[in-house]
Amino acid sequence: MCPGCPTEAFHTLTDIAREYNLDLSQLLHRMDKVIRDKKAP
């Protein structure tokens, strides 16, 4: 599940959370926060 891997297009966020032992809801929350913080005013 590394960037640039040709199979990355087939991995879901659920797959990534499971692979790296992350809580999916926390991962989604953190991603949402980064996206919101990057939006232009």
PDB file of N, CA and C in Angstrom:
ATOM      1  N   MET A   1       0.818  -1.191   0.000  1.00  0.00           N
ATOM      2  CA  MET A   1       0.000   0.000   0.000  1.00  0.00           C
ATOM      3  C   MET A   1       0.864   1.256   0.000  1.00  0.00           C
ATOM      4  N   CYS A   2       1.889   1.189  -0.776  1.00  0.00           N
ATOM      5  CA  CYS A   2       2.793   2.336  -0.860  1.00  0.00           C
ATOM      6  C   CYS A   2       2.406   3.231  -2.029  1.00  0.00           C
ATOM      7  N   PRO A   3       2.648   4.546  -1.906  1.00  0.00           N
ATOM      8  CA  PRO A   3       2.382   5.435  -3.031  1.00  0.00           C
ATOM      9  C   PRO A   3       3.172   4.991  -4.258  1.00  0.00           C
ATOM     10  N   GLY A   4       2.534   5.031  -5.383  1.00  0.00           N
ATOM     11  CA  GLY A   4       3.190   4.650  -6.624  1.00  0.00           C
ATOM     12  C   GLY A   4       3.035   3.184  -6.976  1.00  0.00           C
ATOM     13  N   CYS A   5       2.523   2.384  -6.053  1.00  0.00           N
ATOM     14  CA  CYS A   5       2.312   0.968  -6.323  1.00  0.00           C
ATOM     15  C   CYS A   5       1.213   0.840  -7.373  1.00  0.00           C
ATOM     16  N   PRO A   6       1.397   0.000  -8.390  1.00  0.00           N
ATOM     17  CA  PRO A   6       0.374  -0.107  -9.427  1.00  0.00           C
ATOM     18  C   PRO A   6      -0.950  -0.688  -8.922  1.00  0.00           C
ATOM     19  N   THR A   7      -0.958  -1.337  -7.770  1.00  0.00           N
ATOM     20  CA  THR A   7      -2.203  -1.895  -7.254  1.00  0.00           C
ATOM     21  C   THR A   7      -2.918  -0.940  -6.305  1.00  0.00           C
ATOM     22  N   GLU A   8      -2.333   0.225  -6.053  1.00  0.00           N
ATOM     23  CA  GLU A   8      -2.945   1.150  -5.090  1.00  0.00           C
ATOM     24  C   GLU A   8      -4.340   1.592  -5.499  1.00  0.00           C
ATOM     25  N   ALA A   9      -4.643   1.578  -6.783  1.00  0.00           N
ATOM     26  CA  ALA A   9      -5.970   1.984  -7.246  1.00  0.00           C
ATOM     27  C   ALA A   9      -7.060   1.036  -6.755  1.00  0.00           C
ATOM     28  N   PHE A  10      -6.671  -0.151  -6.317  1.00  0.00           N
ATOM     29  CA  PHE A  10      -7.643  -1.145  -5.885  1.00  0.00           C
ATOM     30  C   PHE A  10      -7.820  -1.199  -4.374  1.00  0.00           C
ATOM     31  N   HIS A  11      -7.034  -0.418  -3.630  1.00  0.00           N
ATOM     32  CA  HIS A  11      -7.131  -0.406  -2.172  1.00  0.00           C
ATOM     33  C   HIS A  11      -8.108   0.672  -1.722  1.00  0.00           C
ATOM     34  N   THR A  12      -8.918   0.332  -0.737  1.00  0.00           N
ATOM     35  CA  THR A  12      -9.860   1.292  -0.176  1.00  0.00           C
ATOM     36  C   THR A  12      -9.277   1.871   1.111  1.00  0.00           C
ATOM     37  N   LEU A  13      -9.920   2.900   1.638  1.00  0.00           N
ATOM     38  CA  LEU A  13      -9.481   3.444   2.925  1.00  0.00           C
ATOM     39  C   LEU A  13      -9.640   2.401   4.025  1.00  0.00           C
ATOM     40  N   THR A  14     -10.640   1.549   3.897  1.00  0.00           N
ATOM     41  CA  THR A  14     -10.809   0.459   4.869  1.00  0.00           C
ATOM     42  C   THR A  14      -9.607  -0.479   4.817  1.00  0.00           C
ATOM     43  N   ASP A  15      -9.135  -0.799   3.615  1.00  0.00           N
ATOM     44  CA  ASP A  15      -7.951  -1.651   3.461  1.00  0.00           C
ATOM     45  C   ASP A  15      -6.732  -1.009   4.124  1.00  0.00           C
ATOM     46  N   ILE A  16      -6.568   0.278   3.905  1.00  0.00           N
ATOM     47  CA  ILE A  16      -5.419   0.992   4.466  1.00  0.00           C
ATOM     48  C   ILE A  16      -5.481   1.013   5.981  1.00  0.00           C
ATOM     49  N   ALA A  17      -6.650   1.308   6.527  1.00  0.00           N
ATOM     50  CA  ALA A  17      -6.803   1.329   7.986  1.00  0.00           C
ATOM     51  C   ALA A  17      -6.484  -0.039   8.575  1.00  0.00           C
ATOM     52  N   ARG A  18      -6.976  -1.081   7.939  1.00  0.00           N
ATOM     53  CA  ARG A  18      -6.722  -2.436   8.431  1.00  0.00           C
ATOM     54  C   ARG A  18      -5.230  -2.780   8.342  1.00  0.00           C
ATOM     55  N   GLU A  19      -4.603  -2.449   7.221  1.00  0.00           N
ATOM     56  CA  GLU A  19      -3.186  -2.772   7.018  1.00  0.00           C
ATOM     57  C   GLU A  19      -2.280  -2.090   8.046  1.00  0.00           C
ATOM     58  N   TYR A  20      -2.619  -0.844   8.394  1.00  0.00           N
ATOM     59  CA  TYR A  20      -1.780  -0.076   9.311  1.00  0.00           C
ATOM     60  C   TYR A  20      -2.347   0.001  10.728  1.00  0.00           C
ATOM     61  N   ASN A  21      -3.341  -0.850  11.016  1.00  0.00           N
ATOM     62  CA  ASN A  21      -3.959  -0.909  12.349  1.00  0.00           C
ATOM     63  C   ASN A  21      -4.444   0.456  12.823  1.00  0.00           C
ATOM     64  N   LEU A  22      -5.159   1.146  11.944  1.00  0.00           N
ATOM     65  CA  LEU A  22      -5.717   2.458  12.260  1.00  0.00           C
ATOM     66  C   LEU A  22      -7.215   2.342  12.455  1.00  0.00           C
ATOM     67  N   ASP A  23      -7.763   3.203  13.274  1.00  0.00           N
ATOM     68  CA  ASP A  23      -9.205   3.284  13.432  1.00  0.00           C
ATOM     69  C   ASP A  23      -9.753   4.046  12.227  1.00  0.00           C
ATOM     70  N   LEU A  24     -10.635   3.404  11.462  1.00  0.00           N
ATOM     71  CA  LEU A  24     -11.135   4.004  10.222  1.00  0.00           C
ATOM     72  C   LEU A  24     -11.832   5.330  10.471  1.00  0.00           C
ATOM     73  N   SER A  25     -12.669   5.412  11.483  1.00  0.00           N
ATOM     74  CA  SER A  25     -13.387   6.669  11.725  1.00  0.00           C
ATOM     75  C   SER A  25     -12.427   7.788  12.104  1.00  0.00           C
ATOM     76  N   GLN A  26     -11.383   7.479  12.850  1.00  0.00           N
ATOM     77  CA  GLN A  26     -10.396   8.499  13.209  1.00  0.00           C
ATOM     78  C   GLN A  26      -9.603   8.927  11.973  1.00  0.00           C
ATOM     79  N   LEU A  27      -9.261   7.969  11.127  1.00  0.00           N
ATOM     80  CA  LEU A  27      -8.553   8.283   9.892  1.00  0.00           C
ATOM     81  C   LEU A  27      -9.392   9.222   9.025  1.00  0.00           C
ATOM     82  N   LEU A  28     -10.668   8.900   8.860  1.00  0.00           N
ATOM     83  CA  LEU A  28     -11.556   9.745   8.061  1.00  0.00           C
ATOM     84  C   LEU A  28     -11.707  11.138   8.663  1.00  0.00           C
ATOM     85  N   HIS A  29     -11.826  11.202   9.976  1.00  0.00           N
ATOM     86  CA  HIS A  29     -11.950  12.492  10.661  1.00  0.00           C
ATOM     87  C   HIS A  29     -10.701  13.344  10.429  1.00  0.00           C
ATOM     88  N   ARG A  30      -9.535  12.727  10.549  1.00  0.00           N
ATOM     89  CA  ARG A  30      -8.284  13.479  10.367  1.00  0.00           C
ATOM     90  C   ARG A  30      -8.134  13.945   8.919  1.00  0.00           C
ATOM     91  N   MET A  31      -8.507  13.091   7.973  1.00  0.00           N
ATOM     92  CA  MET A  31      -8.422  13.478   6.562  1.00  0.00           C
ATOM     93  C   MET A  31      -9.374  14.637   6.270  1.00  0.00           C
ATOM     94  N   ASP A  32     -10.583  14.557   6.809  1.00  0.00           N
ATOM     95  CA  ASP A  32     -11.563  15.621   6.624  1.00  0.00           C
ATOM     96  C   ASP A  32     -11.042  16.935   7.195  1.00  0.00           C
ATOM     97  N   LYS A  33     -10.404  16.879   8.345  1.00  0.00           N
ATOM     98  CA  LYS A  33      -9.853  18.084   8.975  1.00  0.00           C
ATOM     99  C   LYS A  33      -8.774  18.713   8.091  1.00  0.00           C
ATOM    100  N   VAL A  34      -7.898  17.892   7.539  1.00  0.00           N
ATOM    101  CA  VAL A  34      -6.839  18.409   6.674  1.00  0.00           C
ATOM    102  C   VAL A  34      -7.452  19.075   5.442  1.00  0.00           C
ATOM    103  N   ILE A  35      -8.460  18.439   4.871  1.00  0.00           N
ATOM    104  CA  ILE A  35      -9.108  19.004   3.686  1.00  0.00           C
ATOM    105  C   ILE A  35      -9.780  20.335   4.028  1.00  0.00           C
ATOM    106  N   ARG A  36     -10.495  20.381   5.154  1.00  0.00           N
ATOM    107  CA  ARG A  36     -11.162  21.625   5.549  1.00  0.00           C
ATOM    108  C   ARG A  36     -10.159  22.735   5.843  1.00  0.00           C
ATOM    109  N   ASP A  37      -9.043  22.384   6.472  1.00  0.00           N
ATOM    110  CA  ASP A  37      -8.032  23.389   6.816  1.00  0.00           C
ATOM    111  C   ASP A  37      -7.325  23.926   5.571  1.00  0.00           C
ATOM    112  N   LYS A  38      -7.319  23.189   4.477  1.00  0.00           N
ATOM    113  CA  LYS A  38      -6.632  23.600   3.256  1.00  0.00           C
ATOM    114  C   LYS A  38      -7.511  24.413   2.315  1.00  0.00           C
ATOM    115  N   LYS A  39      -8.798  24.460   2.581  1.00  0.00           N
ATOM    116  CA  LYS A  39      -9.708  25.195   1.696  1.00  0.00           C
ATOM    117  C   LYS A  39      -9.404  26.688   1.744  1.00  0.00           C
ATOM    118  N   ALA A  40      -9.547  27.294   0.592  1.00  0.00           N
ATOM    119  CA  ALA A  40      -9.332  28.747   0.497  1.00  0.00           C
ATOM    120  C   ALA A  40     -10.493  29.470   1.211  1.00  0.00           C
ATOM    121  N   PRO A  41     -10.200  30.612   1.820  1.00  0.00           N
ATOM    122  CA  PRO A  41     -11.252  31.374   2.522  1.00  0.00           C
ATOM    123  C   PRO A  41     -12.314  31.911   1.588  1.00  0.00           C
TER     124      PRO A  41
END
